[in-house]
Amino acid sequence: MACEAWERGVFTLAEVRLQEGEPLENALRRFKRKVQQEDIIKEVKRHSFYLKPGEKKRVKEALARKRNRKKVRKEQD
């Protein structure tokens, strides 16, 4: 979702309009929820530095191993 937008160069941030009579805290809460749902923070962190293709592959494999270990541990319990 956000990754495709990033690659196209059309990356927009979440937008929340303050409704009439709405406290700022509620609008801020809606904004935070929207940012979290759209994985904006994750995408920005991912694109903040360059990873070589080999490094990217190693990171991906390490995450897969971690997921598998967690899955096995959960099945044993």
Protein backbone atom coordinates (compact mmCIF):
# COMPACT_ATOMS: atom_id res chain seq x y z
CA MET A 1 0.00 0.00 0.00
CA ALA A 2 2.36 2.71 1.18
CA CYS A 3 5.34 1.01 -0.48
CA GLU A 4 3.79 1.33 -3.96
CA ALA A 5 3.07 4.99 -3.34
CA TRP A 6 6.64 5.53 -2.20
CA GLU A 7 8.05 3.95 -5.37
CA ARG A 8 5.78 6.05 -7.57
CA GLY A 9 7.00 9.15 -5.74
CA VAL A 10 3.47 10.06 -4.68
CA PHE A 11 3.81 9.61 -0.95
CA THR A 12 1.24 11.56 1.03
CA LEU A 13 1.00 11.74 4.77
CA ALA A 14 -2.16 11.09 6.73
CA GLU A 15 -4.54 14.00 6.94
CA VAL A 16 -7.10 14.66 9.66
CA ARG A 17 -9.37 17.67 9.68
CA LEU A 18 -10.40 19.16 13.00
CA GLN A 19 -14.17 18.98 13.23
CA GLU A 20 -16.13 21.85 14.68
CA GLY A 21 -16.24 21.69 18.48
CA GLU A 22 -13.90 18.67 18.58
CA PRO A 23 -11.12 18.72 21.17
CA LEU A 24 -7.61 18.72 19.77
CA GLU A 25 -6.77 15.56 21.73
CA ASN A 26 -9.45 13.60 19.83
CA ALA A 27 -8.16 14.79 16.46
CA LEU A 28 -4.60 13.93 17.48
CA ARG A 29 -5.76 10.45 18.51
CA ARG A 30 -7.44 9.97 15.11
CA PHE A 31 -4.28 11.17 13.36
CA LYS A 32 -2.07 8.75 15.29
CA ARG A 33 -4.43 5.87 14.51
CA LYS A 34 -4.46 6.75 10.82
CA VAL A 35 -0.66 6.97 10.67
CA GLN A 36 -0.39 3.59 12.38
CA GLN A 37 -2.94 1.95 10.04
CA GLU A 38 -1.14 3.22 6.95
CA ASP A 39 2.29 2.04 8.19
CA ILE A 40 3.77 5.46 7.43
CA ILE A 41 6.37 5.30 10.22
CA LYS A 42 7.55 1.86 9.10
CA GLU A 43 7.98 3.06 5.50
CA VAL A 44 9.87 6.19 6.49
CA LYS A 45 12.24 4.18 8.69
CA ARG A 46 12.72 1.62 5.92
CA HIS A 47 13.66 4.29 3.40
CA SER A 48 15.84 6.32 5.75
CA PHE A 49 19.00 4.45 4.67
CA TYR A 50 20.11 2.26 1.78
CA LEU A 51 20.47 -1.49 2.14
CA LYS A 52 22.43 -3.45 -0.42
CA PRO A 53 20.44 -6.27 -2.04
CA GLY A 54 22.50 -8.90 -0.19
CA GLU A 55 21.94 -7.18 3.15
CA LYS A 56 18.24 -6.88 2.42
CA LYS A 57 18.11 -10.63 1.73
CA ARG A 58 19.94 -11.44 4.99
CA VAL A 59 17.57 -9.24 6.99
CA LYS A 60 14.56 -10.87 5.33
CA GLU A 61 15.90 -14.37 6.08
CA ALA A 62 16.64 -13.43 9.70
CA LEU A 63 13.08 -12.17 10.15
CA ALA A 64 11.73 -15.40 8.63
CA ARG A 65 13.84 -17.48 11.06
CA LYS A 66 12.57 -15.39 13.95
CA ARG A 67 8.94 -15.87 12.85
CA ASN A 68 9.45 -19.63 12.49
CA ARG A 69 11.05 -19.92 15.94
CA LYS A 70 8.14 -17.98 17.43
CA LYS A 71 5.63 -20.20 15.61
CA VAL A 72 7.31 -23.40 16.82
CA ARG A 73 7.51 -22.08 20.38
CA LYS A 74 3.82 -21.18 20.29
CA GLU A 75 2.87 -24.66 19.00
CA GLN A 76 4.83 -26.33 21.82
CA ASP A 77 2.91 -24.44 24.53
